[in-house]
Each structure stands twice: as structure tokens, then as C-alpha cells.
Protein backbone atom coordinates (compact mmCIF):
# COMPACT_ATOMS: atom_id res chain seq x y z
CA MET A 1 112.12 143.55 134.01
CA ALA A 2 109.93 140.50 134.23
CA LYS A 3 111.41 137.57 135.84
CA LYS A 4 111.81 134.45 133.62
CA LYS A 5 110.53 131.10 134.80
CA GLN A 6 113.42 129.00 135.93
CA TYR A 7 113.56 125.29 135.28
CA THR A 8 115.45 122.80 137.45
CA ILE A 9 116.58 119.63 135.74
CA ARG A 10 117.72 116.79 137.97
CA ILE A 11 119.44 113.73 136.45
CA GLU A 12 119.51 110.53 138.37
CA ARG A 13 123.14 109.31 138.37
CA ASP A 14 122.88 105.77 139.57
CA VAL A 15 120.40 104.39 136.95
CA GLU A 16 121.09 102.39 133.78
CA ASP A 17 121.48 104.18 130.55
CA HIS A 18 118.78 103.55 128.00
CA ILE A 19 118.76 104.33 124.30
CA LEU A 20 115.01 105.01 124.35
CA PRO A 21 113.50 107.42 126.95
CA LYS A 22 111.37 106.07 129.72
CA GLY A 23 107.70 105.61 128.63
CA PHE A 24 108.69 105.63 124.91
CA PHE A 25 106.71 102.40 124.23
CA ASN A 26 103.66 103.85 125.97
CA ILE A 27 103.95 107.08 123.86
CA LEU A 28 104.38 105.12 120.70
CA VAL A 29 101.68 102.46 121.15
CA ASN A 30 99.02 104.28 123.10
CA ARG A 31 99.31 107.86 121.68
CA PHE A 32 101.06 108.04 118.33
CA LEU A 33 100.17 104.82 116.46
CA PRO A 34 96.41 104.80 117.13
CA VAL A 35 96.01 108.34 115.68
CA ILE A 36 98.26 107.53 112.73
CA SER A 37 96.31 104.25 112.07
CA LEU A 38 92.97 106.05 112.26
CA THR A 39 94.27 108.76 109.92
CA TYR A 40 95.59 106.21 107.43
CA ILE A 41 92.34 104.14 107.36
CA GLY A 42 90.14 107.25 107.12
CA SER A 43 92.29 108.64 104.32
CA ILE A 44 92.20 105.36 102.41
CA ILE A 45 88.42 105.28 102.61
CA GLY A 46 88.11 108.98 101.63
CA VAL A 47 90.47 108.72 98.68
CA ALA A 48 88.85 105.50 97.47
CA GLY A 49 85.46 107.13 97.70
CA ASN A 50 86.55 110.33 96.03
CA ARG A 51 88.21 108.57 93.07
CA GLY A 52 84.95 107.09 91.82
CA ASP A 53 84.83 103.34 91.84
CA PHE A 54 85.12 102.70 95.58
CA ILE A 55 85.42 98.88 95.46
CA HIS A 56 88.12 99.00 92.74
CA TYR A 57 90.30 101.63 94.56
CA MET A 58 89.64 100.07 97.97
CA PHE A 59 90.56 96.45 97.13
CA LYS A 60 92.20 96.16 93.72
CA ASP A 61 94.33 99.31 93.31
CA ASN A 62 96.87 100.67 95.69
CA THR A 63 96.51 104.35 94.58
CA ALA A 64 94.37 105.20 97.66
CA TYR A 65 96.92 103.49 99.95
CA ILE A 66 99.82 105.39 98.50
CA MET A 67 98.03 108.71 98.56
CA SER A 68 97.03 108.15 102.16
CA LEU A 69 100.66 107.68 103.12
CA PHE A 70 101.33 111.33 102.21
CA VAL A 71 98.60 112.45 104.62
CA VAL A 72 100.02 110.19 107.40
CA ILE A 73 103.53 111.60 106.87
CA TRP A 74 102.08 115.14 106.96
CA VAL A 75 100.26 114.49 110.17
CA SER A 76 103.09 112.65 111.89
CA VAL A 77 105.83 115.40 111.52
CA PRO A 78 104.79 117.43 114.61
CA ALA A 79 104.07 114.28 116.59
CA ILE A 80 107.56 112.90 115.92
CA ILE A 81 109.19 116.17 116.98
CA TRP A 82 107.10 116.12 120.12
CA MET A 83 108.18 112.61 120.97
CA ILE A 84 111.89 113.53 120.39
CA LEU A 85 111.59 116.58 122.59
CA TYR A 86 109.43 114.95 125.27
CA GLY A 87 111.87 112.08 125.61
CA ASN A 88 114.78 114.39 126.31
CA PRO A 89 114.91 115.63 129.90
CA LEU A 90 116.43 118.89 128.88
CA PHE A 91 113.63 119.79 126.35
CA LYS A 92 110.66 118.12 127.95
CA HIS A 93 109.16 121.43 129.02
CA VAL A 94 109.12 122.81 125.39
CA ALA A 95 107.65 119.78 123.67
CA ASP A 96 104.04 121.08 123.84
CA ILE A 97 105.06 124.59 122.51
CA TRP A 98 106.92 123.13 119.62
CA TYR A 99 104.01 120.82 118.69
CA LYS A 100 101.70 123.88 118.66
CA ILE A 101 104.20 125.85 116.60
CA LEU A 102 104.71 123.12 113.96
CA ALA A 103 101.02 122.39 113.75
CA ALA A 104 100.20 126.06 113.36
CA LEU A 105 102.88 126.38 110.60
CA MET A 106 101.38 123.41 108.78
CA VAL A 107 97.89 124.89 108.90
CA ILE A 108 99.25 128.24 107.68
CA THR A 109 100.99 126.39 104.86
CA ILE A 110 97.78 124.77 103.76
CA ALA A 111 95.89 128.03 103.91
CA VAL A 112 98.58 129.80 101.84
CA SER A 113 98.63 127.08 99.31
CA TYR A 114 94.91 127.60 98.84
CA LEU A 115 95.28 131.32 98.40
CA LEU A 116 98.45 131.38 96.25
CA PHE A 117 98.16 128.22 94.20
CA PRO A 118 94.44 127.46 93.68
CA GLU A 119 95.16 125.33 90.72
CA GLY A 120 97.87 123.29 92.38
CA ASP A 121 95.75 120.46 93.63
CA ILE A 122 97.91 117.43 92.97
CA TYR A 123 95.75 114.31 92.76
CA GLY A 124 93.21 115.85 95.09
CA LEU A 125 95.46 115.47 98.08
CA ARG A 126 95.07 119.13 99.25
CA LEU A 127 91.54 118.35 100.45
CA TYR A 128 92.97 115.58 102.69
CA PHE A 129 95.65 117.86 104.01
CA VAL A 130 92.88 120.20 105.14
CA ALA A 131 91.01 117.31 106.62
CA SER A 132 94.10 116.53 108.65
CA ILE A 133 93.82 119.71 110.73
CA PRO A 134 91.40 118.07 113.21
CA VAL A 135 93.81 115.13 113.39
CA LEU A 136 96.58 117.45 114.46
CA LEU A 137 94.30 118.66 117.26
CA LEU A 138 93.26 115.13 118.24
CA THR A 139 97.03 114.05 118.29
CA TYR A 140 97.87 116.97 120.62
CA ILE A 141 94.95 116.17 122.99
CA LEU A 142 96.08 112.46 123.12
CA PHE A 143 99.67 113.40 123.73
CA VAL A 144 98.85 115.75 126.54
CA LYS A 145 96.11 113.70 128.22
CA GLY A 146 98.00 110.42 128.25
CA GLY A 147 96.78 108.38 125.26
CA LEU A 148 94.19 105.71 124.69
CA PRO A 149 93.74 102.69 126.91
CA SER A 150 95.36 99.57 125.56
CA ILE A 151 92.09 97.95 124.91
CA ALA A 152 91.29 100.63 122.24
CA ALA A 153 94.86 101.33 121.14
CA TYR A 154 95.89 97.76 120.18
CA PRO A 155 93.02 97.06 117.75
CA LEU A 156 93.56 100.44 116.05
CA ASN A 157 97.23 99.72 115.68
CA ALA A 158 96.49 96.26 114.18
CA LEU A 159 94.02 97.74 111.69
CA GLY A 160 96.53 100.34 110.60
CA VAL A 161 99.32 97.74 110.16
CA CYS A 162 96.95 95.44 108.27
CA ALA A 163 95.90 98.27 105.92
CA PHE A 164 99.53 99.19 105.34
CA LEU A 165 100.51 95.58 104.53
CA TYR A 166 97.48 95.10 102.28
CA GLY A 167 98.32 98.36 100.40
CA ALA A 168 101.90 97.12 100.03
CA VAL A 169 101.00 93.78 98.46
CA ILE A 170 97.75 94.63 96.61
CA ASN A 171 99.33 94.92 93.21
CA VAL A 172 101.42 91.80 93.67
CA PHE A 173 98.52 89.40 94.02
CA PHE A 174 95.64 91.09 92.24
């Protein structure tokens, strides 16, 4: 029989307990949020351009902003599972495998939806779900390689938050 790889987990006993794992802020700000912000802004521009009147859907109607939230939620599922597993010392070694498995299942789901339900294109969102496949790959690369430098991550995060807030209040003031 083949010998299984054995993992040794050592827990430091004399350190303070923390609710969040060590490095969680770095993972969130330099790895997760820049990709989500870039995905959200790109989806907003794509949906507004695809709907017809770009200026209207970009600045006066929040349809593009709401539709883009679905794409962001779709892309963030494997990333959130990766962060949860990576933050736990018992499951840190399987975080990458689970990200790959979930991303592959999501890509298979998109492909099966094209084959089985060709008429099931709800509001044109399926095209953006297909466009999210490279984002899943980019997210994995950033998670494994260590994220963006702060000088690039913070402006992307600020743009994503501003776009989200603008989409939330666009129908209130206009």
C-alpha cells in the first residue's frame, strides 16, 4: 500500500486567543477585496454597456449595480471557503484543494446550464457568469502568491466600495 502523507499540527499554547486568524486582515484587504472590487466594477460596466443606453444604466439606474452583485456573490463563494479553511490550523493544508474543487464545480455548473437550459438566460447574467471563470483563476493566483501590494489594493478597494455605495443610493437621489 502507498504511504499517506502525514501532517503535523503544532498549536502554540502560551499565546492569546483571537477570534480572527492571524493574517486575516491581509488576506481580506490585499487578496479578496481587490478581486471582488475589480469584478464588481467590470461587471457594472459590462452590464451597462450590454443593456443599451450606457450612460443611463451607468449613472441613473441601479439595474447594472444589482445584477453585478450576483456575479460578485458567485465569484466570492470559493474565496470565502478558502479564507475559512486557510484560517483554521487544522484545515490550512486543504484550502487550496477545496478552492480548486469549488471553482471546478462552478465552471461545470455553468457549462451544464448552457447545455441543458439554453433558453434559461435570466436578464443576460449567464454571459457574466461565464466571464467570471478567469476571475476565479485570478483569485486563486492572488490567494496562493500572497496578494497585491497595498499601493494597488487600497485604491481598488476604495473604487469597489464607492461603486457599491453609489449603486445603493442611485435611485434615492436621481
